[in-house]
Amino acid sequence: MRDQSEAVAGSRAQGAILERFRRTRDLSRDLADGLNEADMTVQSMPDASPAKWHLAHTTWFFETFLLRDQVPGYRLFDERWPFLFNSYYEAEGARMARPERGLLTRPTVAEMLAYRDHVDEAMSAALPRLMERHGELVELGIQHEQQHQELLLTDIKHLFSRNPLGPAAYAAAGDGAAGTDVPLRWITGAEGLAEIGSDGEGFAFDNELPRHPSWLAPHALANRPVTNGEWIEFIADQGYATPSLWLSDGWDWVRREGIGAPLYWRGQGGAWEHFTLAGWQPLDPHAPVTHISFYEADAFATWAGARLPTEQEWESAAQFRNPLSGVQLDRAGGVTPRAESKDGAFASLFGNVWEWTGSAYRPWPGYRPAAGAVGEYNGKFMSGQFVLKGGSCATPRGHVRASYRNFFHPHQRWQFTGLRLARSL
């Protein structure tokens, strides 16, 4: 009976992972549905990638690390394509330079989709065998594709924003109840010894490990993220023109790039609007501010007489809260941060906007990268970047958790990035 029950449990687990695999792969295609060949080919800046490259790269990941390496007799869909769709894996050899991905007018979108169909069919057939010995790698592939779903959306948004016509055909305007003016309140955080990092329950990337003790000094966090309305006050008070608010590198960046507002904002005074995946829309003063750099977040915190939270402070506050809550990506459609509808403790801790922390992206004590090429996934980027927490409106629901560590360079802001204030007590 025990062997039979274990076999049933194993069969159910395999069925569940196959269903998650298929749902994830289908969502990527749904997100690209409605985009034309040009939309999916053009690259609007070196940090972004064409939509069809995202579709192909996530497919390359499954083909390379699972089908090619773990399934006897599997033949590559096209032996020339690994050069095109390898992202940054040095162990996998030469690759096309990232800023040149927009030159790939060929292969066509139809060929990309045929590639996906080929790999999906092979993965579905091999999944029971793969799960027996390589289940963690299968899960990594799913999680990797979820990351690229968010990147696909943010890259398309940047591309469309550069069009003088302001195309609004990708998605409908965000739905949901209108927000309210939720007063900012301070919530005292835990202090003393805290456990930080993945607790080992469920999937975690290697950069979330190992779990370790960390000492928290007395502090408080804001009950909600900073809003557009508060950011307008910062602008009106000459926040972008006051050098004493800015880090030296940040002030150089502001002057060099002519920065005077968050990315995708235009207008002035009470007539601000912002570009969304539904086109240009009036700015909701109660919604969380987004598309800001670390430099801007830090300058605002200084202006507000506060600071950015440390990664450990943020994670400690989030550990016992539901990571499935908040405005996150459930399906292809409207993707816009929303204002709070009620005054709750730690509103939007998950979802809406990625929240900058004041913590550098560095390894946890005892960190060890994974073996092989996948060990290049996170560890080699632990230099010159800062940690963001909590996910955004473009993060697939179920992808993030308290220990999740996103990271970007301090000047980057095309992702859905915002901030929550902290202060020392």
Protein backbone atom coordinates (compact mmCIF):
# COMPACT_ATOMS: atom_id res chain seq x y z
CA MET A 1 0.00 0.00 0.00
CA ARG A 2 2.83 2.37 0.82
CA ASP A 3 4.47 1.86 -2.58
CA GLN A 4 1.10 2.36 -4.27
CA SER A 5 0.36 5.60 -2.36
CA GLU A 6 3.84 6.93 -3.12
CA ALA A 7 3.31 6.17 -6.80
CA VAL A 8 -0.03 8.02 -6.77
CA ALA A 9 1.56 11.01 -5.02
CA GLY A 10 4.40 11.02 -7.54
CA SER A 11 1.97 10.89 -10.44
CA ARG A 12 0.01 13.82 -9.03
CA ALA A 13 3.20 15.83 -8.54
CA GLN A 14 4.24 15.18 -12.13
CA GLY A 15 0.79 16.17 -13.35
CA ALA A 16 0.95 19.40 -11.35
CA ILE A 17 4.37 20.39 -12.69
CA LEU A 18 3.30 19.59 -16.27
CA GLU A 19 0.24 21.81 -15.82
CA ARG A 20 2.40 24.63 -14.42
CA PHE A 21 4.83 24.23 -17.30
CA ARG A 22 2.03 24.47 -19.86
CA ARG A 23 0.34 27.43 -18.11
CA THR A 24 3.61 29.32 -17.98
CA ARG A 25 4.43 28.67 -21.61
CA ASP A 26 0.90 29.62 -22.68
CA LEU A 27 1.00 32.89 -20.75
CA SER A 28 4.16 33.98 -22.57
CA ARG A 29 2.41 33.46 -25.90
CA ASP A 30 -0.69 35.24 -24.64
CA LEU A 31 1.41 38.25 -23.62
CA ALA A 32 2.76 38.46 -27.16
CA ASP A 33 -0.64 37.97 -28.78
CA GLY A 34 -1.71 41.06 -30.71
CA LEU A 35 1.83 42.29 -31.30
CA ASN A 36 2.81 42.50 -34.93
CA GLU A 37 6.09 41.32 -36.46
CA ALA A 38 7.69 44.76 -36.09
CA ASP A 39 6.52 45.15 -32.46
CA MET A 40 8.21 41.86 -31.61
CA THR A 41 11.48 42.58 -33.44
CA VAL A 42 12.48 46.15 -32.57
CA GLN A 43 14.82 46.79 -29.63
CA SER A 44 14.27 50.23 -28.09
CA MET A 45 17.46 50.40 -25.98
CA PRO A 46 20.39 48.14 -24.99
CA ASP A 47 18.79 47.20 -21.64
CA ALA A 48 15.66 45.89 -23.37
CA SER A 49 15.19 42.89 -25.65
CA PRO A 50 12.72 42.25 -28.48
CA ALA A 51 9.59 40.31 -27.53
CA LYS A 52 10.40 37.49 -29.93
CA TRP A 53 13.88 37.18 -28.39
CA HIS A 54 12.26 36.65 -24.96
CA LEU A 55 10.04 33.91 -26.45
CA ALA A 56 13.03 32.22 -28.03
CA HIS A 57 15.49 32.63 -25.14
CA THR A 58 13.14 31.02 -22.60
CA THR A 59 12.72 28.15 -25.07
CA TRP A 60 16.50 27.91 -25.50
CA PHE A 61 16.81 27.55 -21.73
CA PHE A 62 14.62 24.42 -21.65
CA GLU A 63 16.23 23.02 -24.80
CA THR A 64 19.80 23.59 -23.60
CA PHE A 65 19.74 22.67 -19.94
CA LEU A 66 17.12 19.91 -20.02
CA LEU A 67 16.45 18.47 -23.46
CA ARG A 68 19.97 18.67 -24.92
CA ASP A 69 21.80 17.66 -21.75
CA GLN A 70 19.35 15.25 -20.12
CA VAL A 71 17.27 13.58 -22.86
CA PRO A 72 19.17 10.98 -24.94
CA GLY A 73 18.61 11.33 -28.67
CA TYR A 74 17.21 14.86 -28.57
CA ARG A 75 18.33 16.96 -31.55
CA LEU A 76 18.44 20.75 -31.49
CA PHE A 77 15.68 22.50 -33.42
CA ASP A 78 18.34 24.53 -35.23
CA GLU A 79 22.05 24.20 -34.44
CA ARG A 80 22.65 27.87 -35.33
CA TRP A 81 20.17 29.28 -32.83
CA PRO A 82 22.06 28.83 -29.52
CA PHE A 83 24.37 31.65 -30.67
CA LEU A 84 21.31 33.88 -31.12
CA PHE A 85 19.47 33.09 -27.91
CA ASN A 86 22.09 32.47 -25.25
CA SER A 87 21.90 35.48 -22.93
CA TYR A 88 25.00 35.62 -20.72
CA TYR A 89 26.13 32.04 -20.08
CA GLU A 90 29.86 32.01 -20.75
CA ALA A 91 29.95 28.25 -20.26
CA GLU A 92 27.63 27.92 -23.27
CA GLY A 93 30.06 29.67 -25.59
CA ALA A 94 29.80 32.59 -27.98
CA ARG A 95 26.58 34.57 -28.29
CA MET A 96 25.12 37.57 -30.05
CA ALA A 97 25.82 40.87 -28.28
CA ARG A 98 22.85 42.10 -26.27
CA PRO A 99 22.56 45.53 -27.95
CA GLU A 100 22.28 43.80 -31.35
CA ARG A 101 19.26 41.61 -30.58
CA GLY A 102 17.01 44.03 -32.46
CA LEU A 103 18.86 43.19 -35.68
CA LEU A 104 17.25 39.74 -35.78
CA THR A 105 14.66 40.38 -38.47
CA ARG A 106 15.09 36.66 -39.14
CA PRO A 107 14.16 34.11 -37.82
CA THR A 108 10.58 35.27 -38.13
CA VAL A 109 7.98 35.23 -35.37
CA ALA A 110 6.35 32.21 -37.03
CA GLU A 111 9.64 30.34 -36.85
CA MET A 112 10.02 31.33 -33.18
CA LEU A 113 6.59 29.93 -32.41
CA ALA A 114 7.41 26.71 -34.27
CA TYR A 115 10.54 26.47 -32.10
CA ARG A 116 8.41 26.84 -28.97
CA ASP A 117 6.00 24.16 -30.17
CA HIS A 118 8.87 21.78 -30.89
CA VAL A 119 10.44 22.22 -27.45
CA ASP A 120 7.09 22.13 -25.63
CA GLU A 121 6.21 18.83 -27.26
CA ALA A 122 9.59 17.33 -26.35
CA MET A 123 9.42 18.67 -22.79
CA SER A 124 5.91 17.32 -22.24
CA ALA A 125 6.99 13.86 -23.41
CA ALA A 126 10.16 13.84 -21.31
CA LEU A 127 8.82 15.53 -18.19
CA PRO A 128 8.05 12.38 -16.12
CA ARG A 129 11.62 11.16 -16.62
CA LEU A 130 13.11 14.61 -16.07
CA MET A 131 11.23 15.09 -12.81
CA GLU A 132 12.78 11.93 -11.36
CA ARG A 133 16.33 13.33 -11.46
CA HIS A 134 16.14 16.97 -12.55
CA GLY A 135 13.03 18.37 -10.90
CA GLU A 136 14.84 21.43 -9.54
CA LEU A 137 16.10 22.28 -13.01
CA VAL A 138 12.60 21.98 -14.47
CA GLU A 139 11.34 24.34 -11.77
CA LEU A 140 14.20 26.74 -12.48
CA GLY A 141 13.16 26.84 -16.14
CA ILE A 142 9.58 27.72 -15.19
CA GLN A 143 10.71 30.43 -12.78
CA HIS A 144 13.14 31.77 -15.39
CA GLU A 145 10.32 32.10 -17.92
CA GLN A 146 8.18 33.96 -15.38
CA GLN A 147 10.98 36.48 -14.97
CA HIS A 148 11.04 37.00 -18.70
CA GLN A 149 7.28 37.50 -18.82
CA GLU A 150 7.74 40.61 -16.70
CA LEU A 151 10.71 41.70 -18.83
CA LEU A 152 8.68 41.21 -22.00
CA LEU A 153 6.00 43.57 -20.67
CA THR A 154 8.40 46.24 -19.48
CA ASP A 155 10.38 46.09 -22.72
CA ILE A 156 7.24 46.41 -24.84
CA LYS A 157 6.13 49.36 -22.70
CA HIS A 158 9.45 51.11 -23.28
CA LEU A 159 9.28 50.40 -27.01
CA PHE A 160 5.73 51.74 -27.35
CA SER A 161 6.58 54.83 -25.29
CA ARG A 162 9.13 55.85 -27.93
CA ASN A 163 6.47 55.99 -30.63
CA PRO A 164 5.27 59.59 -31.10
CA LEU A 165 1.76 58.29 -31.76
CA GLY A 166 1.62 56.71 -28.29
CA PRO A 167 0.05 53.37 -29.36
CA ALA A 168 -2.58 52.19 -26.91
CA ALA A 169 -3.56 48.89 -28.50
CA TYR A 170 -1.61 46.51 -26.28
CA ALA A 171 -3.85 46.48 -23.21
CA ALA A 172 -6.99 48.02 -21.79
CA ALA A 173 -6.74 50.61 -19.05
CA GLY A 174 -6.41 49.10 -15.58
CA ASP A 175 -9.56 48.05 -13.81
CA GLY A 176 -10.41 47.93 -10.12
CA ALA A 177 -11.94 50.30 -7.61
CA ALA A 178 -10.67 53.84 -7.36
CA GLY A 179 -8.06 54.40 -4.70
CA THR A 180 -8.24 56.70 -1.75
CA ASP A 181 -5.86 59.04 0.02
CA VAL A 182 -4.33 56.61 2.52
CA PRO A 183 -2.39 58.60 5.15
CA LEU A 184 1.22 57.63 5.65
CA ARG A 185 1.77 55.91 8.99
CA TRP A 186 4.87 54.40 10.57
CA ILE A 187 4.89 50.79 11.71
CA THR A 188 7.60 49.72 14.12
CA GLY A 189 9.60 46.81 12.78
CA ALA A 190 11.11 43.86 14.57
CA GLU A 191 14.47 44.40 16.23
CA GLY A 192 17.23 42.15 17.41
CA LEU A 193 18.13 38.82 15.85
CA ALA A 194 16.10 37.84 12.77
CA GLU A 195 16.35 34.95 10.34
CA ILE A 196 16.81 36.11 6.74
CA GLY A 197 16.84 34.15 3.49
CA SER A 198 14.82 31.25 2.11
CA ASP A 199 13.39 28.90 4.74
CA GLY A 200 13.71 25.93 2.39
CA GLU A 201 9.96 25.62 1.80
CA GLY A 202 9.33 25.52 -1.94
CA PHE A 203 11.50 26.88 -4.72
CA ALA A 204 14.20 29.51 -4.13
CA PHE A 205 16.94 30.90 -6.34
CA ASP A 206 20.47 30.28 -5.13
CA ASN A 207 20.92 33.97 -4.22
CA GLU A 208 18.22 33.58 -1.53
CA LEU A 209 20.37 31.04 0.32
CA PRO A 210 21.47 30.18 2.88
CA ARG A 211 19.09 31.24 5.63
CA HIS A 212 21.11 33.09 8.25
CA PRO A 213 20.80 35.34 11.31
CA SER A 214 20.84 39.11 10.87
CA TRP A 215 20.69 41.86 13.49
CA LEU A 216 17.98 44.50 13.10
CA ALA A 217 18.40 47.89 14.79
CA PRO A 218 15.25 49.73 15.96
CA HIS A 219 13.40 51.02 12.90
CA ALA A 220 10.02 51.70 11.37
CA LEU A 221 8.62 51.22 7.86
CA ALA A 222 5.90 53.22 6.11
CA ASN A 223 2.54 51.52 5.87
CA ARG A 224 2.41 52.01 2.10
CA PRO A 225 4.59 52.95 -0.89
CA VAL A 226 5.21 56.58 -1.85
CA THR A 227 2.48 57.90 -4.16
CA ASN A 228 2.44 59.93 -7.36
CA GLY A 229 0.92 62.83 -5.45
CA GLU A 230 3.80 62.88 -2.99
CA TRP A 231 6.25 62.75 -5.88
CA ILE A 232 4.60 65.78 -7.46
CA GLU A 233 5.25 67.64 -4.19
CA PHE A 234 8.91 66.59 -4.43
CA ILE A 235 9.12 68.00 -7.96
CA ALA A 236 7.35 71.23 -6.95
CA ASP A 237 9.84 71.67 -4.10
CA GLN A 238 12.72 71.59 -6.59
CA GLY A 239 13.71 68.06 -5.61
CA TYR A 240 15.42 67.45 -8.95
CA ALA A 241 17.29 70.76 -8.68
CA THR A 242 18.64 70.48 -5.12
CA PRO A 243 22.07 68.83 -5.12
CA SER A 244 22.15 68.33 -1.34
CA LEU A 245 19.43 65.66 -1.67
CA TRP A 246 21.40 63.51 -4.08
CA LEU A 247 24.23 61.04 -3.95
CA SER A 248 27.16 62.27 -6.01
CA ASP A 249 26.66 59.71 -8.78
CA GLY A 250 22.95 60.42 -8.76
CA TRP A 251 23.42 64.16 -9.12
CA ASP A 252 25.80 63.59 -12.04
CA TRP A 253 23.17 61.34 -13.63
CA VAL A 254 20.38 63.92 -13.16
CA ARG A 255 22.41 66.67 -14.83
CA ARG A 256 23.87 64.49 -17.58
CA GLU A 257 20.52 62.95 -18.58
CA GLY A 258 18.35 66.02 -17.92
CA ILE A 259 16.12 64.11 -15.47
CA GLY A 260 13.20 66.06 -13.98
CA ALA A 261 10.47 63.46 -13.36
CA PRO A 262 9.96 59.68 -13.29
CA LEU A 263 10.24 57.81 -16.57
CA TYR A 264 7.08 58.01 -18.73
CA TRP A 265 5.81 61.24 -17.10
CA ARG A 266 4.98 64.38 -19.06
CA GLY A 267 3.26 67.64 -18.24
CA GLN A 268 3.61 69.90 -15.25
CA GLY A 269 1.79 71.16 -12.18
CA GLY A 270 -1.59 69.49 -11.79
CA ALA A 271 -1.72 68.24 -15.39
CA TRP A 272 0.71 65.33 -15.25
CA GLU A 273 0.05 62.21 -17.31
CA HIS A 274 2.07 59.03 -17.78
CA PHE A 275 2.55 56.43 -20.46
CA THR A 276 1.06 53.00 -19.73
CA LEU A 277 0.47 49.84 -21.71
CA ALA A 278 -2.94 51.36 -22.42
CA GLY A 279 -1.32 54.52 -23.82
CA TRP A 280 -1.13 57.95 -22.21
CA GLN A 281 -3.33 58.20 -19.12
CA PRO A 282 -3.96 60.89 -16.47
CA LEU A 283 -1.74 60.37 -13.45
CA ASP A 284 -3.56 59.00 -10.39
CA PRO A 285 -2.13 60.93 -7.42
CA HIS A 286 -3.02 58.11 -5.03
CA ALA A 287 -1.30 55.30 -6.97
CA PRO A 288 2.27 54.26 -6.13
CA VAL A 289 4.94 56.16 -8.00
CA THR A 290 6.85 53.90 -10.37
CA HIS A 291 9.63 53.87 -12.96
CA ILE A 292 12.10 55.62 -10.68
CA SER A 293 15.80 54.89 -10.26
CA PHE A 294 17.60 54.07 -7.04
CA TYR A 295 19.10 57.55 -7.21
CA GLU A 296 15.63 59.13 -7.32
CA ALA A 297 14.31 56.89 -4.53
CA ASP A 298 17.24 57.78 -2.30
CA ALA A 299 16.91 61.53 -3.01
CA PHE A 300 13.18 61.46 -2.25
CA ALA A 301 13.79 59.63 1.02
CA THR A 302 16.34 62.26 2.02
CA TRP A 303 13.89 65.04 1.10
CA ALA A 304 11.20 63.33 3.20
CA GLY A 305 13.50 63.14 6.25
CA ALA A 306 13.64 59.36 6.00
CA ARG A 307 15.72 56.68 4.27
CA LEU A 308 15.31 53.54 2.21
CA PRO A 309 14.75 50.31 4.16
CA THR A 310 17.49 47.75 4.32
CA GLU A 311 16.79 44.46 2.59
CA GLN A 312 16.73 42.73 5.97
CA GLU A 313 14.19 45.20 7.42
CA TRP A 314 11.91 44.76 4.43
CA GLU A 315 12.17 40.98 4.44
CA SER A 316 11.51 40.76 8.17
CA ALA A 317 8.29 42.75 7.72
CA ALA A 318 7.17 40.53 4.83
CA GLN A 319 7.98 37.07 6.19
CA PHE A 320 4.56 36.35 7.63
CA ARG A 321 2.48 38.07 4.96
CA ASN A 322 0.82 36.48 1.96
CA PRO A 323 3.01 36.78 -1.16
CA LEU A 324 -0.01 35.96 -3.34
CA SER A 325 -1.71 39.21 -2.34
CA GLY A 326 -1.51 42.57 -4.07
CA VAL A 327 -1.67 43.68 -7.70
CA GLN A 328 0.29 41.09 -9.70
CA LEU A 329 0.08 39.57 -13.16
CA ASP A 330 -2.65 36.95 -13.51
CA ARG A 331 -3.24 37.05 -17.26
CA ALA A 332 -2.50 39.08 -20.36
CA GLY A 333 -4.27 42.40 -19.94
CA GLY A 334 -4.06 45.68 -18.06
CA VAL A 335 -0.75 46.11 -16.23
CA THR A 336 -0.73 49.27 -14.12
CA PRO A 337 0.00 49.92 -10.43
CA ARG A 338 -3.18 50.75 -8.53
CA ALA A 339 -3.95 53.04 -5.65
CA GLU A 340 -4.83 51.48 -2.31
CA SER A 341 -8.53 50.99 -1.65
CA LYS A 342 -8.17 50.83 2.13
CA ASP A 343 -5.77 51.79 4.88
CA GLY A 344 -4.08 48.52 5.80
CA ALA A 345 -0.83 47.70 7.51
CA PHE A 346 1.96 47.33 4.96
CA ALA A 347 -0.24 47.88 1.93
CA SER A 348 1.18 46.58 -1.37
CA LEU A 349 4.12 44.91 0.32
CA PHE A 350 3.76 42.37 -2.48
CA GLY A 351 2.84 43.49 -5.98
CA ASN A 352 2.16 46.91 -7.51
CA VAL A 353 5.80 48.15 -7.63
CA TRP A 354 9.22 46.69 -6.89
CA GLU A 355 10.52 48.54 -3.84
CA TRP A 356 14.09 49.79 -3.80
CA THR A 357 16.08 49.01 -0.68
CA GLY A 358 19.28 50.69 0.44
CA SER A 359 21.11 47.36 0.34
CA ALA A 360 23.76 46.45 -2.18
CA TYR A 361 23.20 43.17 -4.03
CA ARG A 362 25.84 40.98 -2.44
CA PRO A 363 25.93 37.28 -1.43
CA TRP A 364 24.50 36.08 1.84
CA PRO A 365 27.06 34.60 4.29
CA GLY A 366 27.88 31.09 3.13
CA TYR A 367 26.47 31.57 -0.38
CA ARG A 368 27.49 29.00 -2.96
CA PRO A 369 26.47 29.30 -6.64
CA ALA A 370 24.88 26.30 -8.27
CA ALA A 371 27.16 23.92 -10.16
CA GLY A 372 27.54 24.15 -13.92
CA ALA A 373 26.38 26.84 -16.34
CA VAL A 374 23.25 27.63 -14.31
CA GLY A 375 25.60 28.83 -11.58
CA GLU A 376 25.98 31.96 -13.73
CA TYR A 377 22.30 32.79 -13.16
CA ASN A 378 22.74 35.15 -10.19
CA GLY A 379 26.12 35.12 -8.53
CA LYS A 380 28.22 36.87 -11.14
CA PHE A 381 25.96 39.94 -11.02
CA MET A 382 26.68 40.69 -7.35
CA SER A 383 28.52 43.91 -8.07
CA GLY A 384 27.34 47.51 -8.43
CA GLN A 385 23.60 46.77 -8.13
CA PHE A 386 20.92 47.31 -5.48
CA VAL A 387 18.21 44.98 -4.18
CA LEU A 388 14.50 45.44 -4.83
CA LYS A 389 11.79 43.49 -3.03
CA GLY A 390 8.16 42.50 -3.34
CA GLY A 391 7.28 42.14 -7.01
CA SER A 392 5.15 44.39 -9.20
CA CYS A 393 1.94 44.55 -11.21
CA ALA A 394 3.85 42.79 -14.01
CA THR A 395 5.21 39.93 -11.85
CA PRO A 396 3.33 36.65 -12.39
CA ARG A 397 1.36 35.84 -9.25
CA GLY A 398 3.04 33.07 -7.29
CA HIS A 399 6.52 33.99 -8.46
CA VAL A 400 7.72 36.12 -5.53
CA ARG A 401 8.20 35.55 -1.80
CA ALA A 402 9.71 37.49 1.10
CA SER A 403 13.23 36.18 0.44
CA TYR A 404 13.13 36.96 -3.31
CA ARG A 405 15.99 39.23 -4.40
CA ASN A 406 15.57 41.35 -7.53
CA PHE A 407 18.46 43.61 -8.50
CA PHE A 408 19.22 46.46 -10.88
CA HIS A 409 21.84 49.12 -11.43
CA PRO A 410 21.09 52.38 -9.62
CA HIS A 411 20.27 54.38 -12.77
CA GLN A 412 17.81 51.86 -14.27
CA ARG A 413 14.11 52.63 -14.11
CA TRP A 414 12.24 51.05 -17.02
CA GLN A 415 11.02 48.31 -14.68
CA PHE A 416 8.03 48.93 -12.35
CA THR A 417 10.22 50.30 -9.57
CA GLY A 418 9.01 52.36 -6.59
CA LEU A 419 9.84 52.85 -2.92
CA ARG A 420 8.64 52.56 0.66
CA LEU A 421 10.15 54.86 3.27
CA ALA A 422 11.94 53.74 6.43
CA ARG A 423 13.48 55.51 9.39
CA SER A 424 15.71 54.63 12.28
CA LEU A 425 14.33 54.84 15.82
